[in-house]
Protein backbone atom coordinates (compact mmCIF):
# COMPACT_ATOMS: atom_id res chain seq x y z
CA UNK A 1 38.77 -154.23 35.28
CA UNK A 2 40.04 -154.50 31.68
CA UNK A 3 43.70 -155.34 31.24
CA UNK A 4 44.37 -151.97 29.64
CA UNK A 5 43.45 -150.30 32.94
CA UNK A 6 45.69 -152.45 35.10
CA UNK A 7 48.34 -149.74 35.07
CA UNK A 8 45.93 -147.43 36.92
CA UNK A 9 45.10 -149.88 39.70
CA UNK A 10 47.45 -148.28 42.24
CA UNK A 11 45.89 -144.84 41.70
CA UNK A 12 42.40 -146.30 41.91
CA UNK A 13 43.35 -148.07 45.13
CA UNK A 14 44.61 -144.82 46.65
CA UNK A 15 41.34 -143.14 45.63
CA UNK A 16 39.31 -146.00 47.12
CA UNK A 17 41.08 -145.69 50.49
CA UNK A 18 40.64 -141.92 50.56
CA UNK A 19 36.91 -142.06 49.85
CA UNK A 20 36.38 -144.94 52.29
CA UNK A 21 37.94 -142.87 55.03
CA UNK A 22 36.15 -139.66 54.02
CA UNK A 23 32.73 -141.32 53.77
CA UNK A 24 33.12 -143.02 57.14
CA UNK A 25 34.34 -139.83 58.82
CA UNK A 26 31.39 -137.70 57.67
CA UNK A 27 28.79 -140.19 58.89
CA UNK A 28 30.69 -140.89 62.10
CA UNK A 29 30.85 -137.20 63.01
CA UNK A 30 27.13 -136.72 62.36
CA UNK A 31 26.21 -139.70 64.53
CA UNK A 32 28.73 -138.85 67.24
CA UNK A 33 27.58 -135.26 67.61
CA UNK A 34 23.92 -136.29 67.57
CA UNK A 35 24.56 -138.85 70.32
CA UNK A 36 26.21 -136.14 72.42
CA UNK A 37 23.28 -133.77 71.96
CA UNK A 38 25.14 -131.19 69.90
CA UNK A 39 22.93 -128.70 68.06
CA UNK A 40 22.02 -129.49 64.44
CA UNK A 41 23.39 -126.08 63.49
CA UNK A 42 26.87 -127.05 64.63
CA UNK A 43 26.63 -130.32 62.71
CA UNK A 44 25.65 -128.38 59.61
CA UNK A 45 28.52 -125.96 60.13
CA UNK A 46 31.04 -128.80 60.31
CA UNK A 47 29.83 -130.28 57.05
CA UNK A 48 29.76 -126.85 55.39
CA UNK A 49 33.34 -126.29 56.54
CA UNK A 50 34.45 -129.47 54.80
CA UNK A 51 32.97 -128.46 51.44
CA UNK A 52 34.29 -124.92 51.79
CA UNK A 53 37.73 -126.44 52.36
CA UNK A 54 37.42 -128.48 49.18
CA UNK A 55 36.69 -125.38 47.13
CA UNK A 56 39.54 -123.40 48.71
CA UNK A 57 41.89 -126.33 48.22
CA UNK A 58 41.44 -126.17 44.43
CA UNK A 59 43.43 -122.94 44.31
CA UNK A 60 45.96 -123.81 47.02
CA UNK A 61 46.57 -127.25 45.55
CA UNK A 62 47.81 -125.85 42.24
CA UNK A 63 50.35 -123.68 44.04
CA UNK A 64 51.55 -126.48 46.30
CA UNK A 65 52.00 -128.95 43.44
CA UNK A 66 53.86 -126.36 41.36
CA UNK A 67 56.19 -125.62 44.25
CA UNK A 68 57.10 -129.06 45.60
CA UNK A 69 55.89 -131.58 43.02
CA UNK A 70 53.14 -134.19 42.97
CA UNK A 71 54.45 -136.82 45.37
CA UNK A 72 55.52 -134.34 48.06
CA UNK A 73 52.20 -132.49 47.76
CA UNK A 74 50.27 -135.76 48.11
CA UNK A 75 52.33 -136.91 51.08
CA UNK A 76 52.01 -133.56 52.84
CA UNK A 77 48.25 -133.46 52.27
CA UNK A 78 47.75 -137.02 53.50
CA UNK A 79 49.75 -136.14 56.62
CA UNK A 80 47.50 -133.14 57.29
CA UNK A 81 44.37 -135.27 56.89
CA UNK A 82 45.69 -138.04 59.13
CA UNK A 83 46.67 -135.61 61.89
CA UNK A 84 43.32 -133.79 61.59
CA UNK A 85 41.35 -137.04 61.88
CA UNK A 86 43.26 -138.01 65.02
CA UNK A 87 42.70 -134.49 66.32
CA UNK A 88 38.96 -135.25 66.51
CA UNK A 89 39.71 -137.86 69.15
CA UNK A 90 42.30 -135.76 70.96
CA UNK A 91 40.28 -132.56 71.52
CA UNK A 92 36.47 -133.06 71.73
CA UNK A 93 35.53 -129.47 70.87
CA UNK A 94 33.14 -128.61 68.01
CA UNK A 95 34.91 -125.29 67.46
CA UNK A 96 38.21 -127.13 67.03
CA UNK A 97 36.54 -129.75 64.85
CA UNK A 98 35.29 -127.01 62.51
CA UNK A 99 38.89 -125.97 61.85
CA UNK A 100 39.85 -129.61 61.33
CA UNK A 101 37.05 -130.15 58.80
CA UNK A 102 38.24 -127.12 56.83
CA UNK A 103 41.80 -128.51 56.81
CA UNK A 104 40.61 -131.96 55.75
CA UNK A 105 38.69 -130.49 52.82
CA UNK A 106 41.63 -128.40 51.62
CA UNK A 107 44.11 -131.27 51.88
CA UNK A 108 41.82 -133.80 50.19
CA UNK A 109 41.28 -131.52 47.20
CA UNK A 110 45.04 -131.38 46.74
CA UNK A 111 45.11 -135.18 46.80
CA UNK A 112 42.38 -135.36 44.16
CA UNK A 113 44.35 -133.01 41.94
CA UNK A 114 47.49 -135.15 42.20
CA UNK A 115 45.63 -138.36 41.35
CA UNK A 116 43.69 -136.85 38.45
CA UNK A 117 46.69 -135.19 36.83
CA UNK A 118 48.53 -138.54 37.04
CA UNK A 119 45.61 -140.40 35.45
CA UNK A 120 45.39 -137.83 32.69
CA UNK A 121 49.12 -138.05 31.98
CA UNK A 122 49.02 -141.84 31.68
CA UNK A 123 45.69 -142.34 29.90
CA UNK A 124 45.84 -142.81 26.12
CA UNK A 125 43.23 -141.31 23.85
CA UNK A 126 41.20 -144.48 23.43
CA UNK A 127 41.20 -145.08 27.22
CA UNK A 128 40.00 -141.72 28.47
CA UNK A 129 36.31 -142.61 28.66
CA UNK A 130 36.96 -145.87 30.52
CA UNK A 131 39.53 -144.29 32.83
CA UNK A 132 37.19 -141.40 33.66
CA UNK A 133 34.19 -143.67 34.30
CA UNK A 134 36.25 -146.09 36.39
CA UNK A 135 37.61 -143.25 38.51
CA UNK A 136 34.09 -142.01 39.22
CA UNK A 137 32.91 -145.56 40.03
CA UNK A 138 35.76 -146.01 42.50
CA UNK A 139 34.77 -142.83 44.33
CA UNK A 140 31.20 -144.10 44.78
CA UNK A 141 32.44 -147.53 45.88
CA UNK A 142 34.73 -145.97 48.49
CA UNK A 143 31.91 -143.83 49.90
CA UNK A 144 29.62 -146.88 50.11
CA UNK A 145 32.27 -149.03 51.79
CA UNK A 146 32.80 -146.28 54.35
CA UNK A 147 29.16 -146.59 55.36
CA UNK A 148 29.53 -150.37 55.50
CA UNK A 149 32.09 -150.04 58.28
CA UNK A 150 29.30 -148.88 60.59
CA UNK A 151 27.52 -152.18 60.02
CA UNK A 152 30.58 -154.02 61.34
CA UNK A 153 31.46 -151.51 64.07
CA UNK A 154 28.21 -149.79 65.12
CA UNK A 155 29.56 -148.54 68.47
CA UNK A 156 30.88 -144.99 68.19
CA UNK A 157 34.36 -144.87 69.69
CA UNK A 158 37.97 -144.13 68.76
CA UNK A 159 38.18 -147.20 66.51
CA UNK A 160 36.42 -145.49 63.62
CA UNK A 161 38.80 -142.54 63.78
CA UNK A 162 41.77 -144.90 63.85
CA UNK A 163 40.45 -146.72 60.80
CA UNK A 164 40.00 -143.45 58.90
CA UNK A 165 43.57 -142.49 59.82
CA UNK A 166 44.80 -145.85 58.58
CA UNK A 167 43.06 -145.31 55.24
CA UNK A 168 44.75 -141.97 54.68
CA UNK A 169 48.11 -143.36 55.80
CA UNK A 170 47.86 -146.39 53.51
CA UNK A 171 46.79 -144.32 50.50
CA UNK A 172 50.33 -142.91 50.58
CA UNK A 173 51.88 -146.27 49.73
CA UNK A 174 50.87 -146.69 46.06
CA UNK A 175 51.62 -143.04 45.30
CA UNK A 176 54.94 -142.85 47.18
CA UNK A 177 56.26 -146.04 45.57
CA UNK A 178 55.35 -145.18 41.99
CA UNK A 179 58.20 -145.25 39.49
CA UNK A 180 56.41 -143.05 36.98
CA UNK A 181 57.53 -139.51 36.17
CA UNK A 182 55.70 -136.57 37.65
CA UNK A 183 52.98 -135.23 35.37
CA UNK A 184 53.07 -131.58 34.41
CA UNK A 185 51.08 -129.48 36.92
CA UNK A 186 48.13 -127.44 35.69
CA UNK A 187 47.28 -124.00 36.96
CA UNK A 188 43.73 -122.84 37.73
CA UNK A 189 41.60 -122.42 34.66
CA UNK A 190 39.97 -118.98 34.32
CA UNK A 191 36.32 -118.98 35.41
CA UNK A 192 34.34 -117.11 32.77
CA UNK A 193 31.44 -116.24 35.01
CA UNK A 194 29.55 -113.92 32.68
CA UNK A 195 29.85 -116.26 29.71
CA UNK A 196 28.57 -119.28 31.61
CA UNK A 197 25.80 -117.40 33.42
CA UNK A 198 24.39 -116.18 30.11
CA UNK A 199 24.91 -119.41 28.17
CA UNK A 200 24.10 -122.23 30.62
CA UNK A 201 21.91 -120.80 33.41
CA UNK A 202 19.77 -123.95 33.68
CA UNK A 203 22.81 -126.21 34.00
CA UNK A 204 24.34 -123.98 36.68
CA UNK A 205 21.05 -123.90 38.59
CA UNK A 206 20.94 -127.71 38.48
CA UNK A 207 24.53 -127.98 39.72
CA UNK A 208 23.79 -125.55 42.56
CA UNK A 209 20.69 -127.49 43.63
CA UNK A 210 22.61 -130.75 43.34
CA UNK A 211 25.17 -129.31 45.76
CA UNK A 212 22.41 -128.26 48.16
CA UNK A 213 20.88 -131.76 48.09
CA UNK A 214 24.03 -133.83 48.38
CA UNK A 215 25.71 -131.54 50.91
CA UNK A 216 22.62 -131.74 53.12
CA UNK A 217 22.32 -135.50 52.59
CA UNK A 218 25.92 -136.41 53.45
CA UNK A 219 26.01 -134.07 56.42
CA UNK A 220 22.54 -134.44 57.94
CA UNK A 221 20.94 -137.69 56.74
CA UNK A 222 22.60 -139.60 59.64
CA UNK A 223 21.00 -137.10 62.04
CA UNK A 224 17.61 -137.62 60.38
CA UNK A 225 18.00 -141.41 60.51
CA UNK A 226 18.85 -141.26 64.21
CA UNK A 227 15.70 -139.22 64.87
CA UNK A 228 13.74 -141.89 62.98
CA UNK A 229 14.95 -144.44 65.53
CA UNK A 230 17.49 -146.29 63.37
CA UNK A 231 20.49 -147.91 65.06
CA UNK A 232 24.01 -147.06 63.90
CA UNK A 233 24.34 -150.27 61.87
CA UNK A 234 21.00 -149.58 60.18
CA UNK A 235 22.11 -146.03 59.41
CA UNK A 236 25.15 -147.49 57.66
CA UNK A 237 22.80 -149.58 55.51
CA UNK A 238 20.59 -146.53 54.87
CA UNK A 239 23.51 -144.42 53.65
CA UNK A 240 25.18 -147.21 51.67
CA UNK A 241 22.01 -148.15 49.77
CA UNK A 242 21.48 -144.52 48.77
CA UNK A 243 25.04 -144.18 47.44
CA UNK A 244 25.07 -147.55 45.65
CA UNK A 245 21.72 -146.76 43.99
CA UNK A 246 23.23 -143.49 42.76
CA UNK A 247 26.22 -145.38 41.34
CA UNK A 248 24.17 -148.03 39.55
CA UNK A 249 21.84 -145.39 38.07
CA UNK A 250 24.67 -143.56 36.28
CA UNK A 251 24.71 -145.85 33.25
CA UNK A 252 20.97 -146.28 32.49
CA UNK A 253 20.37 -142.57 33.09
CA UNK A 254 23.31 -141.82 30.83
CA UNK A 255 21.83 -144.01 28.08
CA UNK A 256 18.53 -142.15 28.33
CA UNK A 257 20.28 -138.78 28.50
CA UNK A 258 22.01 -139.34 25.17
CA UNK A 259 18.60 -140.00 23.55
CA UNK A 260 16.22 -137.59 25.30
CA UNK A 261 16.01 -133.88 26.02
CA UNK A 262 18.26 -133.32 29.02
CA UNK A 263 16.46 -130.30 30.41
CA UNK A 264 13.22 -132.30 30.36
CA UNK A 265 14.95 -135.19 32.16
CA UNK A 266 16.22 -132.80 34.85
CA UNK A 267 12.77 -131.30 35.34
CA UNK A 268 11.09 -134.72 35.49
CA UNK A 269 13.73 -136.07 37.87
CA UNK A 270 13.27 -133.07 40.15
CA UNK A 271 9.49 -133.46 40.11
CA UNK A 272 9.70 -137.13 41.13
CA UNK A 273 12.31 -136.20 43.76
CA UNK A 274 9.89 -133.76 45.38
CA UNK A 275 7.29 -136.51 45.77
CA UNK A 276 9.82 -139.06 47.08
CA UNK A 277 11.36 -136.68 49.62
CA UNK A 278 7.97 -135.61 50.93
CA UNK A 279 7.07 -139.28 51.39
CA UNK A 280 10.28 -139.83 53.36
CA UNK A 281 9.58 -136.76 55.50
CA UNK A 282 5.92 -137.29 56.34
CA UNK A 283 5.31 -140.94 55.52
CA UNK A 284 6.69 -142.26 58.79
CA UNK A 285 8.04 -145.30 56.94
CA UNK A 286 10.63 -147.66 58.38
CA UNK A 287 12.35 -150.87 57.37
CA UNK A 288 12.09 -151.92 53.72
CA UNK A 289 9.80 -149.04 52.78
CA UNK A 290 12.32 -146.43 53.91
CA UNK A 291 15.19 -148.24 52.17
CA UNK A 292 13.25 -148.38 48.90
CA UNK A 293 12.48 -144.68 49.06
CA UNK A 294 16.06 -143.71 49.86
CA UNK A 295 17.26 -145.87 46.96
CA UNK A 296 14.94 -143.96 44.62
CA UNK A 297 16.21 -140.72 46.14
CA UNK A 298 19.78 -141.85 45.43
CA UNK A 299 18.94 -142.62 41.79
CA UNK A 300 17.42 -139.17 41.30
CA UNK A 301 19.72 -137.00 43.43
CA UNK A 302 23.04 -138.53 42.37
CA UNK A 303 22.29 -138.26 38.64
CA UNK A 304 21.37 -134.58 38.71
CA UNK A 305 24.99 -133.44 38.65
CA UNK A 306 26.14 -135.51 35.64
CA UNK A 307 22.97 -134.56 33.77
CA UNK A 308 23.78 -130.91 34.39
CA UNK A 309 27.40 -131.39 33.30
CA UNK A 310 26.25 -133.03 30.06
CA UNK A 311 23.72 -130.24 29.44
CA UNK A 312 26.42 -127.62 30.05
CA UNK A 313 28.88 -129.31 27.67
CA UNK A 314 26.18 -129.33 24.96
CA UNK A 315 26.26 -125.52 24.95
CA UNK A 316 29.95 -124.76 25.56
CA UNK A 317 32.71 -124.81 22.97
CA UNK A 318 35.50 -127.39 23.43
CA UNK A 319 38.03 -124.63 24.12
CA UNK A 320 36.06 -123.52 27.20
CA UNK A 321 35.38 -126.92 28.77
CA UNK A 322 38.35 -126.90 31.15
CA UNK A 323 37.19 -123.50 32.43
CA UNK A 324 33.65 -124.92 32.57
CA UNK A 325 34.83 -127.68 34.89
CA UNK A 326 36.20 -125.08 37.30
CA UNK A 327 32.94 -123.11 37.16
CA UNK A 328 30.89 -126.23 37.89
CA UNK A 329 33.18 -127.13 40.79
CA UNK A 330 32.76 -123.71 42.41
CA UNK A 331 29.00 -123.73 41.84
CA UNK A 332 28.57 -127.21 43.31
CA UNK A 333 30.85 -126.31 46.22
CA UNK A 334 28.79 -123.22 46.97
CA UNK A 335 25.62 -125.31 47.10
CA UNK A 336 27.27 -128.08 49.13
CA UNK A 337 28.55 -125.51 51.64
CA UNK A 338 25.16 -123.83 52.04
CA UNK A 339 23.03 -127.00 52.03
CA UNK A 340 24.09 -128.45 55.39
CA UNK A 341 23.83 -125.06 57.08
CA UNK A 342 20.33 -124.28 55.80
CA UNK A 343 19.19 -127.84 56.39
CA UNK A 344 20.43 -127.78 59.96
CA UNK A 345 18.58 -124.50 60.62
CA UNK A 346 15.34 -126.04 59.36
CA UNK A 347 15.87 -129.13 61.52
CA UNK A 348 16.66 -127.01 64.58
CA UNK A 349 13.66 -124.70 64.23
CA UNK A 350 11.12 -127.28 63.11
CA UNK A 351 11.89 -130.99 63.25
CA UNK A 352 14.47 -133.52 62.04
CA UNK A 353 12.06 -134.86 59.41
CA UNK A 354 11.97 -131.38 57.87
CA UNK A 355 15.39 -132.08 56.35
CA UNK A 356 13.68 -133.85 53.45
CA UNK A 357 11.05 -131.11 53.19
CA UNK A 358 13.92 -128.63 52.80
CA UNK A 359 15.48 -130.79 50.09
CA UNK A 360 12.09 -131.13 48.39
CA UNK A 361 11.88 -127.33 48.25
CA UNK A 362 15.34 -127.25 46.66
CA UNK A 363 14.21 -129.72 43.98
CA UNK A 364 11.10 -127.64 43.40
CA UNK A 365 13.39 -124.86 42.20
CA UNK A 366 14.42 -127.09 39.30
CA UNK A 367 10.81 -127.97 38.46
CA UNK A 368 10.11 -124.24 38.09
CA UNK A 369 13.44 -123.05 36.71
CA UNK A 370 14.54 -125.79 34.29
CA UNK A 371 11.97 -125.82 31.48
CA UNK A 372 12.69 -127.35 28.06
CA UNK A 373 10.81 -124.58 26.24
CA UNK A 374 13.29 -121.97 27.51
CA UNK A 375 16.28 -123.78 25.96
CA UNK A 376 16.78 -121.91 22.69
CA UNK A 377 19.58 -124.08 21.28
CA UNK A 378 21.38 -120.97 19.97
CA UNK A 379 24.69 -122.13 21.45
CA UNK A 380 24.49 -125.86 20.81
CA UNK A 381 27.89 -127.24 19.75
CA UNK A 382 28.19 -129.18 16.51
CA UNK A 383 28.55 -132.58 18.18
CA UNK A 384 25.66 -132.13 20.66
CA UNK A 385 24.36 -134.03 22.47
CA UNK A 386 27.72 -134.64 24.12
CA UNK A 387 28.22 -138.13 25.52
CA UNK A 388 26.98 -138.51 29.10
CA UNK A 389 29.70 -139.56 31.57
CA UNK A 390 29.33 -140.68 35.21
CA UNK A 391 30.20 -138.01 37.76
CA UNK A 392 30.59 -138.28 41.51
CA UNK A 393 28.69 -135.13 42.33
CA UNK A 394 30.28 -134.81 45.76
CA UNK A 395 33.42 -132.80 45.01
CA UNK A 396 35.41 -136.04 44.88
CA UNK A 397 37.22 -134.50 41.92
CA UNK A 398 38.96 -131.30 40.92
CA UNK A 399 39.03 -129.01 37.86
CA UNK A 400 41.76 -131.29 36.51
CA UNK A 401 39.14 -134.00 36.00
CA UNK A 402 38.12 -132.10 32.88
CA UNK A 403 41.35 -133.23 31.24
CA UNK A 404 40.25 -136.86 31.75
CA UNK A 405 36.76 -136.29 30.39
CA UNK A 406 36.54 -137.50 26.76
CA UNK A 407 34.00 -134.73 26.11
CA UNK A 408 36.84 -132.21 26.41
CA UNK A 409 38.70 -131.59 23.16
CA UNK A 410 42.00 -133.41 23.55
CA UNK A 411 43.97 -131.01 21.36
CA UNK A 412 42.82 -128.11 23.52
CA UNK A 413 43.91 -129.96 26.66
CA UNK A 414 47.31 -130.82 25.20
CA UNK A 415 47.87 -127.21 24.15
CA UNK A 416 46.84 -126.05 27.63
CA UNK A 417 49.23 -128.58 29.22
CA UNK A 418 52.14 -127.46 26.99
CA UNK A 419 51.59 -123.87 28.07
CA UNK A 420 51.49 -124.90 31.71
CA UNK A 421 54.66 -127.01 31.34
CA UNK A 422 56.47 -123.91 30.09
CA UNK A 423 55.17 -121.94 33.10
CA UNK A 424 56.20 -124.78 35.40
CA UNK A 425 59.74 -124.75 33.98
CA UNK A 426 59.97 -121.02 34.68
CA UNK A 427 58.77 -121.52 38.27
CA UNK A 428 61.30 -124.32 38.85
CA UNK A 429 64.08 -122.22 37.39
CA UNK A 430 63.19 -119.31 39.68
CA UNK A 431 63.10 -121.63 42.70
CA UNK A 432 66.53 -123.02 41.79
CA UNK A 433 67.92 -119.50 41.45
CA UNK A 434 66.46 -118.51 44.82
CA UNK A 435 68.07 -121.56 46.46
CA UNK A 436 71.43 -120.72 44.88
CA UNK A 437 71.20 -117.16 46.16
CA UNK A 438 70.62 -118.38 49.74
CA UNK A 439 73.41 -120.97 49.75
CA UNK A 440 76.46 -120.04 51.89
CA UNK A 441 79.45 -119.03 49.83
């Protein structure tokens, strides 16, 4: 990491621990429930609950941070996640686990918001691109390392839950010990639904399909791999290779994206994805062949979201890009919440291999819907094409990540932050007055 980014190492380390724990927990739950013979529908519901919690947490997180501050909000959220993870081992009930997954999603979104607002506060203008890309890379690395734990501890027992709890406990340390001032909290950006639906329908469709694919993959790919006869350690390799391939592909795809028509790239990527996913579903491949195919799937599926974000930014004015980030978050979250549920229904009614047939059908929507000839260019911004930036595409970020993105006009962000600082001062003043009123005379 460049020396200029050394100051962010503690925040990156906290992010790494969070994503390691989150990635391990999702795969562990899928494997654990499959081993116990739980219905695929329940597994899909649990994963949908997590993504629904992330979306709900975006609104609740703003309120919590404004009320108690960044460090207290982060500590409280980490405590909720830690207790929820241990709750999986305490009460083996899928109904109870569904509530826990919702809580984990809500609390983790609050943690993302704290980390991203801190990074934005500390990043200088010339660092924003590197800080943003490094943050996204750390999220991928954490998810991949979480899968790697299964290679070292393939037996499903309480140890994995204890390790996840340790990750969320330890992520408190670098944040709790920071000597930096609290950044100014941001309030939810308005979601201009009509504007974005009319201006960037292809980008929103791509984000929605990306959510369907990745939500179904994270939640149900371990179930598919188990049905294919893979051992737990091999499933860890299967998941990790997919995620790492998606990480590595961000930069070459970004280079191409800045030089080619993005809608055409999305359509071509979706078309190849359909072929790859059908091969995985009906090819009956194992060993190296399956790993190669899932790596190609990772390259294609994990770059859909950043391609869509870049396409959207090409057609949205700088003043609306913070609101755009919120719209993309909600759209992706909707897809990620629906994907595991629909995928699990297909697997239950038909067969486990039909998961990839379902995802191929989702990609086919993009082949039909995203056509370069329908992009009029009427709303292209002056500096289009906007620089491509890596993006996690798994809700491992919040609307505040837009403030880190160098594609967002910095003056607009600073003006927005000044307005929110004034609002924050009013809220703090009201809280102080309320406390004075309730003090005993």
